[in-house]
Amino acid sequence: MAPEKRKDLYMKTLKLLVFLFVAAFAGSTVALAGDSNKTTLKLYEKTSVEGKSLEPGDYKVTWEGSGPTVQVTIQQGKQTVATFQAHVTEQAVRNTGDAYGSATEGDGSRSLTAIYPGGKRIALEVSQQGSASAAK
């Protein structure tokens, strides 16, 4: 192969690789931007968290932080109704839909124990401190 053709082939290959790298990077950036820390929560029964009582209904849940402990905010409409810390745990499979876990306290009331955001492989487990104050 002539040196000029070899150089031309090398330049075309290099341009293609650079294009593919840039396209892959741009695609991953868009995917990360769409992966937000929010979900919805539909409570079917009166449930408490951090000593605050939440009536049955629809809520918006957001969380901040990247470590194992995050700050969770629950809103109904534009009003914040609860803020607490939760521990993020990885699940074996993606949650098929938004869900939550609760426990029955000694007095018969329910307390929130976990939130399972739909489509994600995580659970937001209410911290032990939160459960203890909710039981009081």
N, C-alpha and C. Protein backbone atom coordinates (compact mmCIF):
# COMPACT_ATOMS: atom_id res chain seq x y z
N MET A 1 0.85 -1.16 0.00
CA MET A 1 0.00 0.00 0.00
C MET A 1 0.91 1.23 0.00
N ALA A 2 0.53 2.21 -0.78
CA ALA A 2 1.31 3.44 -0.90
C ALA A 2 1.20 4.23 0.40
N PRO A 3 2.27 4.96 0.77
CA PRO A 3 2.25 5.74 2.02
C PRO A 3 1.11 6.76 2.06
N GLU A 4 0.74 7.36 0.95
CA GLU A 4 -0.33 8.36 0.94
C GLU A 4 -1.68 7.71 1.24
N LYS A 5 -1.92 6.55 0.65
CA LYS A 5 -3.19 5.84 0.91
C LYS A 5 -3.26 5.37 2.36
N ARG A 6 -2.13 4.93 2.89
CA ARG A 6 -2.07 4.47 4.28
C ARG A 6 -2.39 5.64 5.21
N LYS A 7 -1.82 6.82 4.93
CA LYS A 7 -2.05 8.00 5.75
C LYS A 7 -3.52 8.42 5.66
N ASP A 8 -4.10 8.38 4.45
CA ASP A 8 -5.49 8.73 4.25
C ASP A 8 -6.41 7.77 5.02
N LEU A 9 -6.13 6.49 4.98
CA LEU A 9 -6.90 5.49 5.70
C LEU A 9 -6.78 5.71 7.22
N TYR A 10 -5.57 6.01 7.67
CA TYR A 10 -5.33 6.28 9.10
C TYR A 10 -6.15 7.49 9.56
N MET A 11 -6.19 8.57 8.77
CA MET A 11 -6.93 9.78 9.13
C MET A 11 -8.43 9.50 9.16
N LYS A 12 -8.94 8.74 8.21
CA LYS A 12 -10.36 8.42 8.20
C LYS A 12 -10.74 7.58 9.42
N THR A 13 -9.88 6.63 9.75
CA THR A 13 -10.13 5.78 10.92
C THR A 13 -10.10 6.61 12.19
N LEU A 14 -9.14 7.51 12.30
CA LEU A 14 -9.02 8.38 13.48
C LEU A 14 -10.24 9.27 13.61
N LYS A 15 -10.70 9.86 12.53
CA LYS A 15 -11.89 10.72 12.56
C LYS A 15 -13.12 9.92 13.00
N LEU A 16 -13.26 8.70 12.49
CA LEU A 16 -14.38 7.86 12.87
C LEU A 16 -14.35 7.53 14.36
N LEU A 17 -13.17 7.21 14.87
CA LEU A 17 -13.04 6.89 16.30
C LEU A 17 -13.37 8.11 17.17
N VAL A 18 -12.89 9.27 16.77
CA VAL A 18 -13.18 10.50 17.53
C VAL A 18 -14.69 10.76 17.50
N PHE A 19 -15.31 10.62 16.34
CA PHE A 19 -16.75 10.82 16.23
C PHE A 19 -17.52 9.86 17.15
N LEU A 20 -17.14 8.59 17.13
CA LEU A 20 -17.82 7.60 17.97
C LEU A 20 -17.64 7.91 19.45
N PHE A 21 -16.45 8.35 19.84
CA PHE A 21 -16.19 8.70 21.24
C PHE A 21 -17.06 9.88 21.66
N VAL A 22 -17.11 10.91 20.84
CA VAL A 22 -17.92 12.10 21.16
C VAL A 22 -19.40 11.72 21.22
N ALA A 23 -19.86 10.90 20.29
CA ALA A 23 -21.27 10.49 20.29
C ALA A 23 -21.60 9.67 21.54
N ALA A 24 -20.71 8.79 21.93
CA ALA A 24 -20.94 7.98 23.14
C ALA A 24 -20.96 8.86 24.38
N PHE A 25 -20.06 9.82 24.46
CA PHE A 25 -20.01 10.72 25.61
C PHE A 25 -21.28 11.57 25.68
N ALA A 26 -21.71 12.11 24.56
CA ALA A 26 -22.92 12.93 24.53
C ALA A 26 -24.14 12.10 24.93
N GLY A 27 -24.20 10.87 24.49
CA GLY A 27 -25.32 9.99 24.85
C GLY A 27 -25.35 9.68 26.33
N SER A 28 -24.19 9.47 26.92
CA SER A 28 -24.16 9.17 28.36
C SER A 28 -24.50 10.39 29.18
N THR A 29 -24.15 11.58 28.72
CA THR A 29 -24.49 12.80 29.43
C THR A 29 -25.99 13.01 29.44
N VAL A 30 -26.64 12.76 28.33
CA VAL A 30 -28.09 12.89 28.25
C VAL A 30 -28.75 11.87 29.17
N ALA A 31 -28.23 10.66 29.20
CA ALA A 31 -28.80 9.61 30.05
C ALA A 31 -28.67 10.00 31.52
N LEU A 32 -27.53 10.55 31.93
CA LEU A 32 -27.35 10.96 33.31
C LEU A 32 -28.25 12.12 33.66
N ALA A 33 -28.43 13.06 32.75
CA ALA A 33 -29.29 14.21 33.02
C ALA A 33 -30.73 13.76 33.23
N GLY A 34 -31.16 12.70 32.56
CA GLY A 34 -32.53 12.22 32.70
C GLY A 34 -32.74 11.36 33.93
N ASP A 35 -31.67 10.92 34.55
CA ASP A 35 -31.74 10.05 35.72
C ASP A 35 -31.79 10.91 36.97
N SER A 36 -32.99 11.40 37.32
CA SER A 36 -33.11 12.31 38.43
C SER A 36 -33.50 11.58 39.71
N ASN A 37 -33.34 12.28 40.79
CA ASN A 37 -33.63 11.71 42.10
C ASN A 37 -35.02 12.14 42.55
N LYS A 38 -36.02 11.64 41.84
CA LYS A 38 -37.39 11.94 42.22
C LYS A 38 -38.30 10.77 41.86
N THR A 39 -39.39 10.69 42.58
CA THR A 39 -40.38 9.65 42.33
C THR A 39 -41.71 10.12 42.89
N THR A 40 -42.73 9.34 42.70
CA THR A 40 -44.03 9.65 43.29
C THR A 40 -44.34 8.60 44.35
N LEU A 41 -45.18 8.98 45.28
CA LEU A 41 -45.56 8.09 46.37
C LEU A 41 -47.06 8.20 46.54
N LYS A 42 -47.75 7.08 46.44
CA LYS A 42 -49.19 7.05 46.67
C LYS A 42 -49.43 6.25 47.95
N LEU A 43 -49.82 6.96 49.00
CA LEU A 43 -50.10 6.31 50.27
C LEU A 43 -51.56 5.85 50.29
N TYR A 44 -51.77 4.63 50.72
CA TYR A 44 -53.12 4.07 50.77
C TYR A 44 -53.69 4.07 52.18
N GLU A 45 -52.85 4.44 53.15
CA GLU A 45 -53.29 4.48 54.54
C GLU A 45 -52.53 5.59 55.26
N LYS A 46 -53.08 6.05 56.36
CA LYS A 46 -52.42 7.08 57.16
C LYS A 46 -51.09 6.50 57.65
N THR A 47 -50.00 7.21 57.37
CA THR A 47 -48.66 6.71 57.67
C THR A 47 -47.83 7.85 58.24
N SER A 48 -46.98 7.56 59.20
CA SER A 48 -46.14 8.62 59.77
C SER A 48 -44.68 8.41 59.41
N VAL A 49 -43.96 9.54 59.34
CA VAL A 49 -42.52 9.52 59.12
C VAL A 49 -41.95 10.71 59.88
N GLU A 50 -40.90 10.47 60.64
CA GLU A 50 -40.28 11.51 61.45
C GLU A 50 -41.32 12.21 62.34
N GLY A 51 -42.27 11.45 62.85
CA GLY A 51 -43.27 12.01 63.75
C GLY A 51 -44.36 12.81 63.05
N LYS A 52 -44.30 12.89 61.73
CA LYS A 52 -45.31 13.65 60.98
C LYS A 52 -46.27 12.67 60.33
N SER A 53 -47.54 12.96 60.48
CA SER A 53 -48.58 12.09 59.94
C SER A 53 -48.90 12.49 58.50
N LEU A 54 -48.90 11.51 57.62
CA LEU A 54 -49.23 11.73 56.21
C LEU A 54 -50.55 11.03 55.92
N GLU A 55 -51.49 11.78 55.43
CA GLU A 55 -52.80 11.23 55.08
C GLU A 55 -52.69 10.44 53.77
N PRO A 56 -53.60 9.51 53.50
CA PRO A 56 -53.59 8.81 52.21
C PRO A 56 -53.67 9.83 51.07
N GLY A 57 -52.92 9.58 50.01
CA GLY A 57 -52.93 10.50 48.88
C GLY A 57 -51.65 10.41 48.09
N ASP A 58 -51.50 11.33 47.14
CA ASP A 58 -50.35 11.37 46.25
C ASP A 58 -49.32 12.39 46.73
N TYR A 59 -48.06 11.98 46.70
CA TYR A 59 -46.96 12.82 47.15
C TYR A 59 -45.82 12.78 46.13
N LYS A 60 -45.03 13.83 46.12
CA LYS A 60 -43.82 13.90 45.30
C LYS A 60 -42.63 13.71 46.25
N VAL A 61 -41.73 12.81 45.88
CA VAL A 61 -40.55 12.51 46.71
C VAL A 61 -39.29 12.87 45.93
N THR A 62 -38.41 13.63 46.56
CA THR A 62 -37.10 13.93 45.98
C THR A 62 -36.04 13.63 47.02
N TRP A 63 -34.83 13.32 46.55
CA TRP A 63 -33.74 13.10 47.49
C TRP A 63 -32.46 13.70 46.95
N GLU A 64 -31.62 14.15 47.87
CA GLU A 64 -30.35 14.78 47.53
C GLU A 64 -29.23 14.04 48.22
N GLY A 65 -28.12 13.93 47.51
CA GLY A 65 -26.95 13.25 48.05
C GLY A 65 -26.54 12.13 47.14
N SER A 66 -25.27 11.76 47.23
CA SER A 66 -24.78 10.70 46.36
C SER A 66 -24.22 9.53 47.15
N GLY A 67 -24.11 9.68 48.44
CA GLY A 67 -23.55 8.61 49.27
C GLY A 67 -24.63 7.66 49.73
N PRO A 68 -24.30 6.84 50.70
CA PRO A 68 -25.29 5.88 51.19
C PRO A 68 -26.41 6.56 51.99
N THR A 69 -26.18 7.78 52.50
CA THR A 69 -27.20 8.49 53.23
C THR A 69 -27.62 9.72 52.43
N VAL A 70 -28.93 9.87 52.22
CA VAL A 70 -29.46 10.99 51.44
C VAL A 70 -30.52 11.73 52.26
N GLN A 71 -30.79 12.96 51.85
CA GLN A 71 -31.84 13.77 52.46
C GLN A 71 -33.08 13.65 51.59
N VAL A 72 -34.17 13.17 52.16
CA VAL A 72 -35.41 12.94 51.42
C VAL A 72 -36.42 14.02 51.79
N THR A 73 -37.11 14.53 50.78
CA THR A 73 -38.16 15.52 50.98
C THR A 73 -39.45 14.98 50.36
N ILE A 74 -40.53 15.03 51.13
CA ILE A 74 -41.85 14.62 50.64
C ILE A 74 -42.71 15.87 50.56
N GLN A 75 -43.32 16.06 49.38
CA GLN A 75 -44.19 17.21 49.16
C GLN A 75 -45.56 16.75 48.71
N GLN A 76 -46.56 17.51 49.13
CA GLN A 76 -47.91 17.32 48.62
C GLN A 76 -48.28 18.66 47.99
N GLY A 77 -48.43 18.64 46.67
CA GLY A 77 -48.56 19.90 45.94
C GLY A 77 -47.22 20.63 46.03
N LYS A 78 -47.25 21.88 46.45
CA LYS A 78 -46.01 22.64 46.60
C LYS A 78 -45.55 22.71 48.05
N GLN A 79 -46.31 22.09 48.95
CA GLN A 79 -46.00 22.15 50.37
C GLN A 79 -45.15 20.95 50.81
N THR A 80 -44.02 21.25 51.46
CA THR A 80 -43.18 20.19 52.03
C THR A 80 -43.85 19.68 53.30
N VAL A 81 -44.09 18.37 53.36
CA VAL A 81 -44.77 17.79 54.51
C VAL A 81 -43.83 16.97 55.40
N ALA A 82 -42.68 16.56 54.86
CA ALA A 82 -41.71 15.81 55.68
C ALA A 82 -40.34 15.86 55.03
N THR A 83 -39.33 15.92 55.87
CA THR A 83 -37.94 15.85 55.44
C THR A 83 -37.21 14.93 56.41
N PHE A 84 -36.44 13.99 55.88
CA PHE A 84 -35.75 13.04 56.75
C PHE A 84 -34.56 12.43 56.01
N GLN A 85 -33.70 11.74 56.75
CA GLN A 85 -32.58 11.05 56.15
C GLN A 85 -32.98 9.60 55.87
N ALA A 86 -32.42 9.09 54.77
CA ALA A 86 -32.67 7.70 54.40
C ALA A 86 -31.37 7.08 53.93
N HIS A 87 -31.32 5.78 54.02
CA HIS A 87 -30.15 5.02 53.58
C HIS A 87 -30.49 4.40 52.23
N VAL A 88 -29.64 4.63 51.23
CA VAL A 88 -29.87 4.07 49.89
C VAL A 88 -29.29 2.66 49.85
N THR A 89 -30.12 1.70 49.48
CA THR A 89 -29.65 0.34 49.32
C THR A 89 -29.95 -0.13 47.90
N GLU A 90 -29.04 -0.89 47.34
CA GLU A 90 -29.20 -1.41 45.98
C GLU A 90 -30.08 -2.65 46.01
N GLN A 91 -30.99 -2.73 45.05
CA GLN A 91 -31.89 -3.87 44.93
C GLN A 91 -31.39 -4.80 43.82
N ALA A 92 -31.72 -6.06 43.90
CA ALA A 92 -31.26 -7.05 42.91
C ALA A 92 -31.85 -6.79 41.53
N VAL A 93 -33.10 -6.32 41.49
CA VAL A 93 -33.77 -6.04 40.22
C VAL A 93 -34.41 -4.65 40.30
N ARG A 94 -34.74 -4.12 39.13
CA ARG A 94 -35.41 -2.81 39.09
C ARG A 94 -36.79 -2.91 39.71
N ASN A 95 -37.19 -1.87 40.42
CA ASN A 95 -38.54 -1.79 40.97
C ASN A 95 -39.50 -1.61 39.79
N THR A 96 -40.52 -2.42 39.72
CA THR A 96 -41.44 -2.36 38.57
C THR A 96 -42.32 -1.12 38.61
N GLY A 97 -42.56 -0.58 39.78
CA GLY A 97 -43.37 0.64 39.93
C GLY A 97 -43.03 1.31 41.24
N ASP A 98 -43.56 2.51 41.43
CA ASP A 98 -43.35 3.21 42.70
C ASP A 98 -44.06 2.44 43.80
N ALA A 99 -43.37 2.26 44.93
CA ALA A 99 -43.96 1.52 46.05
C ALA A 99 -43.35 2.02 47.35
N TYR A 100 -43.92 1.57 48.45
CA TYR A 100 -43.37 1.92 49.76
C TYR A 100 -43.56 0.76 50.71
N GLY A 101 -42.80 0.80 51.80
CA GLY A 101 -42.94 -0.18 52.85
C GLY A 101 -43.32 0.53 54.14
N SER A 102 -44.12 -0.12 54.97
CA SER A 102 -44.49 0.47 56.25
C SER A 102 -44.56 -0.63 57.30
N ALA A 103 -44.52 -0.21 58.55
CA ALA A 103 -44.58 -1.17 59.66
C ALA A 103 -45.68 -0.73 60.63
N THR A 104 -46.29 -1.69 61.28
CA THR A 104 -47.29 -1.40 62.29
C THR A 104 -46.60 -1.18 63.62
N GLU A 105 -46.88 -0.04 64.24
CA GLU A 105 -46.31 0.29 65.55
C GLU A 105 -47.16 -0.34 66.66
N GLY A 106 -46.69 -0.28 67.89
CA GLY A 106 -47.38 -0.87 69.03
C GLY A 106 -48.78 -0.32 69.24
N ASP A 107 -48.99 0.95 68.90
CA ASP A 107 -50.32 1.55 69.08
C ASP A 107 -51.24 1.34 67.88
N GLY A 108 -50.79 0.55 66.90
CA GLY A 108 -51.61 0.27 65.72
C GLY A 108 -51.39 1.22 64.56
N SER A 109 -50.65 2.30 64.78
CA SER A 109 -50.38 3.25 63.69
C SER A 109 -49.34 2.66 62.74
N ARG A 110 -49.22 3.26 61.56
CA ARG A 110 -48.27 2.80 60.54
C ARG A 110 -47.13 3.81 60.44
N SER A 111 -45.90 3.31 60.25
CA SER A 111 -44.76 4.20 60.02
C SER A 111 -44.06 3.77 58.74
N LEU A 112 -43.60 4.77 57.99
CA LEU A 112 -42.91 4.53 56.73
C LEU A 112 -41.54 3.92 57.00
N THR A 113 -41.22 2.82 56.31
CA THR A 113 -39.92 2.17 56.49
C THR A 113 -39.04 2.29 55.25
N ALA A 114 -39.65 2.38 54.05
CA ALA A 114 -38.85 2.45 52.82
C ALA A 114 -39.69 2.99 51.67
N ILE A 115 -38.99 3.56 50.70
CA ILE A 115 -39.61 4.01 49.44
C ILE A 115 -38.85 3.32 48.32
N TYR A 116 -39.59 2.74 47.37
CA TYR A 116 -39.01 2.02 46.24
C TYR A 116 -39.35 2.77 44.95
N PRO A 117 -38.43 3.61 44.44
CA PRO A 117 -38.72 4.37 43.21
C PRO A 117 -38.84 3.44 42.00
N GLY A 118 -39.92 3.59 41.25
CA GLY A 118 -40.16 2.78 40.07
C GLY A 118 -39.08 2.96 39.01
N GLY A 119 -38.66 1.84 38.42
CA GLY A 119 -37.66 1.88 37.35
C GLY A 119 -36.23 1.95 37.84
N LYS A 120 -36.03 2.05 39.14
CA LYS A 120 -34.67 2.14 39.69
C LYS A 120 -34.36 0.88 40.48
N ARG A 121 -33.08 0.65 40.68
CA ARG A 121 -32.63 -0.52 41.45
C ARG A 121 -32.21 -0.12 42.86
N ILE A 122 -32.94 0.81 43.46
CA ILE A 122 -32.61 1.26 44.81
C ILE A 122 -33.84 1.28 45.69
N ALA A 123 -33.59 1.32 46.99
CA ALA A 123 -34.62 1.56 47.99
C ALA A 123 -34.11 2.67 48.88
N LEU A 124 -35.00 3.55 49.30
CA LEU A 124 -34.67 4.59 50.27
C LEU A 124 -35.22 4.12 51.61
N GLU A 125 -34.34 3.60 52.45
CA GLU A 125 -34.77 3.06 53.73
C GLU A 125 -34.70 4.15 54.79
N VAL A 126 -35.83 4.37 55.47
CA VAL A 126 -35.90 5.39 56.50
C VAL A 126 -34.92 5.03 57.60
N SER A 127 -34.13 6.01 58.04
CA SER A 127 -33.11 5.75 59.05
C SER A 127 -33.76 5.29 60.35
N GLN A 128 -33.00 4.55 61.14
CA GLN A 128 -33.48 4.04 62.43
C GLN A 128 -33.93 5.19 63.32
N GLN A 129 -33.21 6.30 63.28
CA GLN A 129 -33.56 7.47 64.08
C GLN A 129 -34.96 7.94 63.71
N GLY A 130 -35.25 7.95 62.38
CA GLY A 130 -36.57 8.36 61.90
C GLY A 130 -37.66 7.42 62.39
N SER A 131 -37.39 6.12 62.39
CA SER A 131 -38.39 5.15 62.84
C SER A 131 -38.65 5.30 64.33
N ALA A 132 -37.60 5.57 65.10
CA ALA A 132 -37.76 5.71 66.54
C ALA A 132 -38.59 6.94 66.86
N SER A 133 -38.35 8.06 66.17
CA SER A 133 -39.12 9.25 66.46
C SER A 133 -40.54 9.12 65.96
N ALA A 134 -40.76 8.36 64.89
CA ALA A 134 -42.11 8.16 64.38
C ALA A 134 -42.93 7.31 65.34
N ALA A 135 -42.28 6.41 66.07
CA ALA A 135 -42.99 5.54 66.99
C ALA A 135 -43.39 6.25 68.26
N LYS A 136 -42.75 7.37 68.56
CA LYS A 136 -43.06 8.09 69.82
C LYS A 136 -44.40 8.74 69.80
